[in-house]
N, C-alpha and C. Protein backbone atom coordinates (compact mmCIF):
# COMPACT_ATOMS: atom_id res chain seq x y z
N GLY A 1 -4.37 2.56 -13.02
CA GLY A 1 -3.64 2.31 -14.22
C GLY A 1 -3.01 0.94 -14.27
N GLY A 2 -2.57 0.59 -15.42
CA GLY A 2 -1.93 -0.70 -15.63
C GLY A 2 -0.43 -0.63 -15.47
N LYS A 3 0.23 -1.64 -15.99
CA LYS A 3 1.69 -1.75 -15.86
C LYS A 3 2.40 -0.56 -16.50
N ALA A 4 1.89 -0.09 -17.64
CA ALA A 4 2.52 1.03 -18.34
C ALA A 4 2.50 2.31 -17.51
N GLN A 5 1.53 2.42 -16.61
CA GLN A 5 1.42 3.60 -15.76
C GLN A 5 1.93 3.32 -14.35
N PHE A 6 2.76 2.29 -14.22
CA PHE A 6 3.32 1.87 -12.92
C PHE A 6 2.22 1.54 -11.92
N GLY A 7 1.14 0.95 -12.41
CA GLY A 7 0.02 0.55 -11.55
C GLY A 7 0.41 -0.61 -10.65
N GLY A 8 -0.33 -0.78 -9.59
CA GLY A 8 -0.03 -1.82 -8.62
C GLY A 8 -0.67 -3.15 -8.96
N GLN A 9 -0.36 -4.14 -8.15
CA GLN A 9 -0.93 -5.47 -8.30
C GLN A 9 -2.36 -5.44 -7.79
N ARG A 10 -3.27 -6.04 -8.55
CA ARG A 10 -4.68 -6.09 -8.13
C ARG A 10 -4.88 -7.27 -7.19
N PHE A 11 -5.66 -7.03 -6.16
CA PHE A 11 -5.92 -8.06 -5.17
C PHE A 11 -7.33 -7.84 -4.66
N GLY A 12 -8.18 -8.84 -4.82
CA GLY A 12 -9.59 -8.71 -4.46
C GLY A 12 -9.87 -8.88 -2.99
N GLU A 13 -11.09 -8.53 -2.62
CA GLU A 13 -11.52 -8.61 -1.23
C GLU A 13 -11.50 -10.05 -0.71
N MET A 14 -11.93 -10.99 -1.54
CA MET A 14 -11.95 -12.39 -1.10
C MET A 14 -10.55 -12.94 -0.91
N GLU A 15 -9.60 -12.49 -1.73
CA GLU A 15 -8.20 -12.92 -1.55
C GLU A 15 -7.65 -12.37 -0.24
N VAL A 16 -8.02 -11.15 0.09
CA VAL A 16 -7.59 -10.56 1.36
C VAL A 16 -8.15 -11.38 2.52
N TRP A 17 -9.42 -11.75 2.44
CA TRP A 17 -10.03 -12.57 3.50
C TRP A 17 -9.31 -13.91 3.65
N ALA A 18 -8.96 -14.51 2.52
CA ALA A 18 -8.27 -15.81 2.57
C ALA A 18 -6.92 -15.68 3.28
N LEU A 19 -6.17 -14.64 2.95
CA LEU A 19 -4.87 -14.44 3.61
C LEU A 19 -5.04 -14.10 5.08
N GLU A 20 -6.10 -13.36 5.42
CA GLU A 20 -6.38 -13.09 6.83
C GLU A 20 -6.65 -14.39 7.57
N ALA A 21 -7.40 -15.29 6.95
CA ALA A 21 -7.73 -16.57 7.57
C ALA A 21 -6.48 -17.40 7.83
N TYR A 22 -5.49 -17.28 6.97
CA TYR A 22 -4.23 -18.01 7.15
C TYR A 22 -3.27 -17.29 8.08
N GLY A 23 -3.60 -16.08 8.49
CA GLY A 23 -2.72 -15.32 9.38
C GLY A 23 -1.48 -14.78 8.69
N ALA A 24 -1.60 -14.51 7.39
CA ALA A 24 -0.45 -14.04 6.61
C ALA A 24 -0.39 -12.52 6.63
N SER A 25 -0.17 -11.96 7.79
CA SER A 25 -0.20 -10.50 7.93
C SER A 25 0.93 -9.80 7.18
N SER A 26 2.10 -10.39 7.13
CA SER A 26 3.22 -9.75 6.42
C SER A 26 2.95 -9.66 4.92
N ILE A 27 2.40 -10.73 4.37
CA ILE A 27 2.07 -10.71 2.94
C ILE A 27 0.97 -9.70 2.66
N LEU A 28 -0.04 -9.66 3.53
CA LEU A 28 -1.12 -8.69 3.35
C LEU A 28 -0.60 -7.26 3.41
N ARG A 29 0.29 -7.01 4.34
CA ARG A 29 0.85 -5.66 4.47
C ARG A 29 1.58 -5.26 3.19
N GLU A 30 2.34 -6.19 2.64
CA GLU A 30 3.08 -5.92 1.40
C GLU A 30 2.12 -5.69 0.24
N ILE A 31 1.12 -6.55 0.11
CA ILE A 31 0.19 -6.46 -1.02
C ILE A 31 -0.65 -5.19 -0.94
N LEU A 32 -1.08 -4.81 0.26
CA LEU A 32 -1.98 -3.67 0.39
C LEU A 32 -1.26 -2.33 0.47
N THR A 33 0.07 -2.35 0.52
CA THR A 33 0.82 -1.09 0.55
C THR A 33 1.81 -1.03 -0.61
N VAL A 34 2.92 -1.71 -0.47
CA VAL A 34 4.01 -1.60 -1.45
C VAL A 34 3.59 -2.07 -2.84
N LYS A 35 2.91 -3.21 -2.93
CA LYS A 35 2.50 -3.73 -4.23
C LYS A 35 1.22 -3.07 -4.74
N SER A 36 0.64 -2.20 -3.96
CA SER A 36 -0.61 -1.55 -4.36
C SER A 36 -0.29 -0.30 -5.16
N ASP A 37 -0.39 0.86 -4.53
CA ASP A 37 -0.19 2.10 -5.27
C ASP A 37 0.85 3.01 -4.63
N ASP A 38 1.73 2.44 -3.81
CA ASP A 38 2.81 3.21 -3.19
C ASP A 38 4.04 3.12 -4.10
N VAL A 39 4.11 4.02 -5.09
CA VAL A 39 5.18 3.96 -6.10
C VAL A 39 6.55 4.16 -5.46
N LEU A 40 6.66 5.11 -4.56
CA LEU A 40 7.94 5.37 -3.88
C LEU A 40 8.34 4.17 -3.03
N GLY A 41 7.38 3.60 -2.32
CA GLY A 41 7.66 2.43 -1.49
C GLY A 41 8.10 1.24 -2.31
N ARG A 42 7.51 1.09 -3.50
CA ARG A 42 7.90 0.00 -4.39
C ARG A 42 9.34 0.15 -4.83
N ALA A 43 9.74 1.37 -5.15
CA ALA A 43 11.12 1.61 -5.57
C ALA A 43 12.10 1.34 -4.43
N LYS A 44 11.74 1.77 -3.22
CA LYS A 44 12.60 1.52 -2.06
C LYS A 44 12.70 0.03 -1.75
N THR A 45 11.59 -0.69 -1.91
CA THR A 45 11.59 -2.13 -1.66
C THR A 45 12.48 -2.85 -2.67
N TYR A 46 12.34 -2.48 -3.93
CA TYR A 46 13.17 -3.10 -4.97
C TYR A 46 14.66 -2.83 -4.69
N GLU A 47 14.97 -1.61 -4.31
CA GLU A 47 16.37 -1.25 -4.02
C GLU A 47 16.91 -2.07 -2.85
N SER A 48 16.11 -2.26 -1.81
CA SER A 48 16.57 -3.03 -0.66
C SER A 48 16.77 -4.50 -1.01
N ILE A 49 15.93 -5.03 -1.92
CA ILE A 49 16.10 -6.43 -2.35
C ILE A 49 17.41 -6.57 -3.13
N VAL A 50 17.66 -5.63 -4.04
CA VAL A 50 18.88 -5.69 -4.86
C VAL A 50 20.13 -5.57 -4.00
N LYS A 51 20.09 -4.69 -3.00
CA LYS A 51 21.25 -4.47 -2.14
C LYS A 51 21.35 -5.48 -1.00
N GLY A 52 20.32 -6.32 -0.83
CA GLY A 52 20.34 -7.31 0.25
C GLY A 52 20.14 -6.70 1.62
N GLU A 53 19.43 -5.59 1.68
CA GLU A 53 19.17 -4.90 2.95
C GLU A 53 17.80 -5.28 3.49
N ALA A 54 17.51 -4.82 4.70
CA ALA A 54 16.20 -5.06 5.31
C ALA A 54 15.13 -4.28 4.56
N MET A 55 13.92 -4.84 4.54
CA MET A 55 12.81 -4.19 3.84
C MET A 55 12.42 -2.90 4.57
N PRO A 56 12.16 -1.83 3.82
CA PRO A 56 11.75 -0.57 4.45
C PRO A 56 10.30 -0.63 4.92
N GLU A 57 9.96 0.26 5.82
CA GLU A 57 8.57 0.38 6.28
C GLU A 57 7.74 0.95 5.14
N PRO A 58 6.59 0.37 4.86
CA PRO A 58 5.76 0.90 3.76
C PRO A 58 5.15 2.24 4.13
N GLY A 59 4.98 3.08 3.11
CA GLY A 59 4.34 4.38 3.33
C GLY A 59 2.84 4.26 3.19
N LEU A 60 2.18 5.40 3.16
CA LEU A 60 0.73 5.40 2.99
C LEU A 60 0.39 5.17 1.52
N PRO A 61 -0.56 4.29 1.25
CA PRO A 61 -0.97 4.12 -0.14
C PRO A 61 -1.70 5.35 -0.65
N GLU A 62 -1.64 5.57 -1.94
CA GLU A 62 -2.29 6.74 -2.55
C GLU A 62 -3.80 6.72 -2.33
N SER A 63 -4.38 5.53 -2.24
CA SER A 63 -5.82 5.44 -2.00
C SER A 63 -6.20 6.05 -0.66
N PHE A 64 -5.30 5.98 0.32
CA PHE A 64 -5.57 6.60 1.62
C PHE A 64 -5.58 8.12 1.49
N ASN A 65 -4.66 8.65 0.69
CA ASN A 65 -4.65 10.09 0.46
C ASN A 65 -5.93 10.55 -0.24
N VAL A 66 -6.43 9.73 -1.16
CA VAL A 66 -7.70 10.05 -1.84
C VAL A 66 -8.83 10.10 -0.81
N LEU A 67 -8.85 9.13 0.10
CA LEU A 67 -9.87 9.11 1.16
C LEU A 67 -9.79 10.37 2.01
N LEU A 68 -8.58 10.78 2.38
CA LEU A 68 -8.43 11.99 3.19
C LEU A 68 -8.97 13.22 2.45
N HIS A 69 -8.70 13.32 1.16
CA HIS A 69 -9.21 14.45 0.38
C HIS A 69 -10.73 14.43 0.30
N GLU A 70 -11.32 13.24 0.18
CA GLU A 70 -12.77 13.15 0.14
C GLU A 70 -13.38 13.57 1.48
N LEU A 71 -12.75 13.18 2.58
CA LEU A 71 -13.25 13.57 3.90
C LEU A 71 -13.12 15.08 4.10
N LYS A 72 -12.02 15.65 3.63
CA LYS A 72 -11.85 17.10 3.73
C LYS A 72 -12.88 17.82 2.88
N GLY A 73 -13.24 17.22 1.72
CA GLY A 73 -14.28 17.79 0.87
C GLY A 73 -15.64 17.80 1.55
N LEU A 74 -15.84 16.89 2.50
CA LEU A 74 -17.08 16.85 3.27
C LEU A 74 -17.04 17.79 4.47
N GLY A 75 -15.92 18.50 4.62
CA GLY A 75 -15.80 19.46 5.71
C GLY A 75 -15.25 18.87 6.99
N LEU A 76 -14.68 17.69 6.93
CA LEU A 76 -14.09 17.07 8.11
C LEU A 76 -12.60 17.38 8.17
N ASP A 77 -12.14 17.78 9.34
CA ASP A 77 -10.73 18.10 9.53
C ASP A 77 -10.04 16.86 10.10
N VAL A 78 -9.30 16.16 9.25
CA VAL A 78 -8.66 14.91 9.66
C VAL A 78 -7.19 15.19 9.94
N LYS A 79 -6.74 14.77 11.11
CA LYS A 79 -5.33 14.92 11.48
C LYS A 79 -4.77 13.56 11.83
N LEU A 80 -3.60 13.25 11.29
CA LEU A 80 -2.96 11.97 11.54
C LEU A 80 -1.89 12.13 12.61
N GLU A 81 -1.85 11.19 13.52
CA GLU A 81 -0.83 11.19 14.56
C GLU A 81 0.10 10.02 14.34
N GLU A 82 1.37 10.20 14.67
CA GLU A 82 2.34 9.10 14.54
C GLU A 82 2.51 8.40 15.84
């Protein structure tokens, strides 16, 4: 979805490669999680910026949950460990 549906920032594969080449891992982490489709993480990040607090750890993007559901649909039992 777009902005009206609280959609995330779009970032292409070549842009990701460029940031990897520059070693910009923190920016990549932010773009691929919080600025992507992690709505709750985006709200927490905005709140921490407003309050002047440390940035929270990003959660799992919704696209990862979609992948897990697709794998389960194929009959694979996926378990995540912390």
